[in-house]
Each structure stands twice: as C-alpha cells, then as structure tokens.
Amino acid sequence: MSERGRLRGVLPGASCATTRSSFFLLRRGLLPDRESLLDLGCGRGILLSLLKAAKEQYQAGVWPLDWPVPPLNLGLRGSS
C-alpha cells in the first residue's frame, strides 16, 4: 500500500508536504521512543495524529515490515 493509501481517512485535510515530512521521520526511525514531543505546528495536530495512527497500525500488525518500529512510548503534546 502506498504512503498516501495508509493515510486515507486517518488525516483528512493533511497537506502533501506535511505528510511527506512526517513519513520521512517514521521511515527512518528518527523519533525517540521514550521522550516527549511538543508539536508547535499549524494547530491541526497532523504529526501527532500520524504518530497515533502509526502506533495503532503497528499494534494491530499492519505496519510495514521494512519500516522501523514507530515510537510506542513517546509522550505527545500539541499547542494551540
């Protein structure tokens, strides 16, 4: 399944640039597993939503086998 297909329905209204950079972080395993992430983005919580969806997909066994494990214990906070 394509990256775009993985997001369909999970992040309605997400821009292509935002999803590409978010996937870049996930595909390369660049996010720590045990820290806190404060999203100061545009206020829509796109990165936080993607990380939550990634964790859910991994736990459901539908995460791509050739991708690193997504952060499972990362504290997520957004700022409005």
Protein backbone atom coordinates (compact mmCIF):
# COMPACT_ATOMS: atom_id res chain seq x y z
CA MET A 1 0.00 0.00 0.00
CA SER A 2 1.28 3.48 -0.81
CA GLU A 3 2.03 6.07 1.84
CA ARG A 4 -0.95 8.04 0.60
CA GLY A 5 -3.18 4.98 0.98
CA ARG A 6 -2.00 4.44 4.55
CA LEU A 7 -3.21 7.91 5.50
CA ARG A 8 -6.54 7.89 3.73
CA GLY A 9 -9.22 8.56 6.31
CA VAL A 10 -6.69 8.98 9.13
CA LEU A 11 -5.60 12.55 8.38
CA PRO A 12 -8.30 14.29 6.36
CA GLY A 13 -7.09 17.62 5.02
CA ALA A 14 -3.39 16.96 5.65
CA SER A 15 -1.12 18.67 3.16
CA CYS A 16 1.24 16.63 0.99
CA ALA A 17 4.30 18.45 2.39
CA THR A 18 3.29 17.71 5.96
CA THR A 19 2.62 14.04 5.33
CA ARG A 20 5.86 13.61 3.34
CA SER A 21 7.99 15.08 6.11
CA SER A 22 6.11 13.06 8.75
CA PHE A 23 6.67 9.85 6.78
CA PHE A 24 10.34 10.78 6.41
CA LEU A 25 10.67 10.80 10.20
CA LEU A 26 8.84 7.47 10.59
CA ARG A 27 10.53 5.60 7.73
CA ARG A 28 13.97 6.45 9.02
CA GLY A 29 13.23 5.85 12.70
CA LEU A 30 14.26 9.40 13.64
CA LEU A 31 11.85 9.86 16.53
CA PRO A 32 12.80 8.61 20.00
CA ASP A 33 10.66 6.01 21.70
CA ARG A 34 10.82 7.42 25.23
CA GLU A 35 10.72 11.20 25.26
CA SER A 36 8.11 13.92 24.85
CA LEU A 37 7.20 15.57 21.58
CA LEU A 38 5.66 19.02 21.59
CA ASP A 39 4.08 19.80 18.22
CA LEU A 40 4.15 23.56 17.59
CA GLY A 41 2.90 23.25 14.03
CA CYS A 42 -0.13 24.79 12.40
CA GLY A 43 -2.54 23.83 15.18
CA ARG A 44 -4.20 20.93 13.37
CA GLY A 45 -2.20 18.19 15.10
CA ILE A 46 -1.28 16.40 11.88
CA LEU A 47 2.04 15.00 13.12
CA LEU A 48 0.50 13.89 16.42
CA SER A 49 -2.40 12.22 14.59
CA LEU A 50 0.02 10.40 12.29
CA LEU A 51 2.10 9.16 15.22
CA LYS A 52 -1.02 7.92 16.99
CA ALA A 53 -2.19 6.14 13.82
CA ALA A 54 1.28 4.63 13.32
CA LYS A 55 1.25 3.20 16.84
CA GLU A 56 -2.25 1.76 16.30
CA GLN A 57 -1.27 0.19 12.98
CA TYR A 58 1.86 -1.34 14.48
CA GLN A 59 -0.08 -2.79 17.40
CA ALA A 60 -2.72 -4.17 15.02
CA GLY A 61 0.01 -5.92 12.98
CA VAL A 62 -0.47 -3.90 9.81
CA TRP A 63 2.74 -1.84 10.00
CA PRO A 64 5.12 -2.26 7.02
CA LEU A 65 7.70 -4.94 7.82
CA ASP A 66 10.53 -2.98 6.20
CA TRP A 67 9.90 0.16 8.33
CA PRO A 68 11.36 0.73 11.80
CA VAL A 69 9.01 0.30 14.74
CA PRO A 70 7.19 3.61 15.30
CA PRO A 71 7.58 5.36 18.67
CA LEU A 72 5.34 3.44 21.07
CA ASN A 73 6.10 5.28 24.30
CA LEU A 74 6.52 8.83 23.01
CA GLY A 75 4.62 11.44 25.01
CA LEU A 76 2.63 13.58 22.58
CA ARG A 77 1.52 17.16 23.25
CA GLY A 78 0.18 19.81 20.95
CA SER A 79 -0.01 23.55 21.38
CA SER A 80 -2.98 25.57 20.24
